[in-house]
C-alpha cells in the first residue's frame, strides 16, 4: 500500500504520508496488533500478482472507517478506476460480515462524493495549554486565517480559494 500511495503522490508533486518513517512504523505496529482481531482491515485488489489498489481502515462496532489507500496509476487505461472498484468490492465484502456503515472520514474527494450516500457534519474542537508559546501560535494562526478572507461587496466575507 505504501509504495502505491507514494507513487501516486510523488507524481502529483507531494511527499505522501508514507514518506515519514514514524508514520510507517506506527501503522505497521498498529496493523500487527489490530489485523488479527479484525479491528484493522487491509483489502487488496489485484490482477494476477500485480496490486492495483490497497485499502486500509478500522472497524468500530458495525462501521468501517476508511483511513488510507494506495492506488496504482493506470496509464494504459485497462481499468479506469481501480480505487473505486476496490471500495465497491470492500463495501460488499464488509456488508456480508455484518458491517452496516462505511465512513470515508474527513476530507473531500471526487470518489467520496460518488460513493457516499450522505455526509455527516464535522465539528472541530481545540484545546490550548495557557502558555506564551501557545498565545503566539494562536495569534499567528488568527492572522494567517484573516489573510485568507477578503471583504466582498456588501460587507460579507468571501473565502479565497
Foldseek 3Di string as FASTA:
>chain_A
DLVLQQVVVVVVVDRGPSVDPVSVVVVVVVCVPCVVVQQKDWFFDADPPHTAKIWIFGDDPLETETDDMGGHDDPPVPDVCPPLVRVVVVVVVSVVVRRDYYHPDDDDDPSCVVPDPDDDDDDDDDDDDPDVVVVVVVVVVVVVVVVQWDADPPRDIDGDD
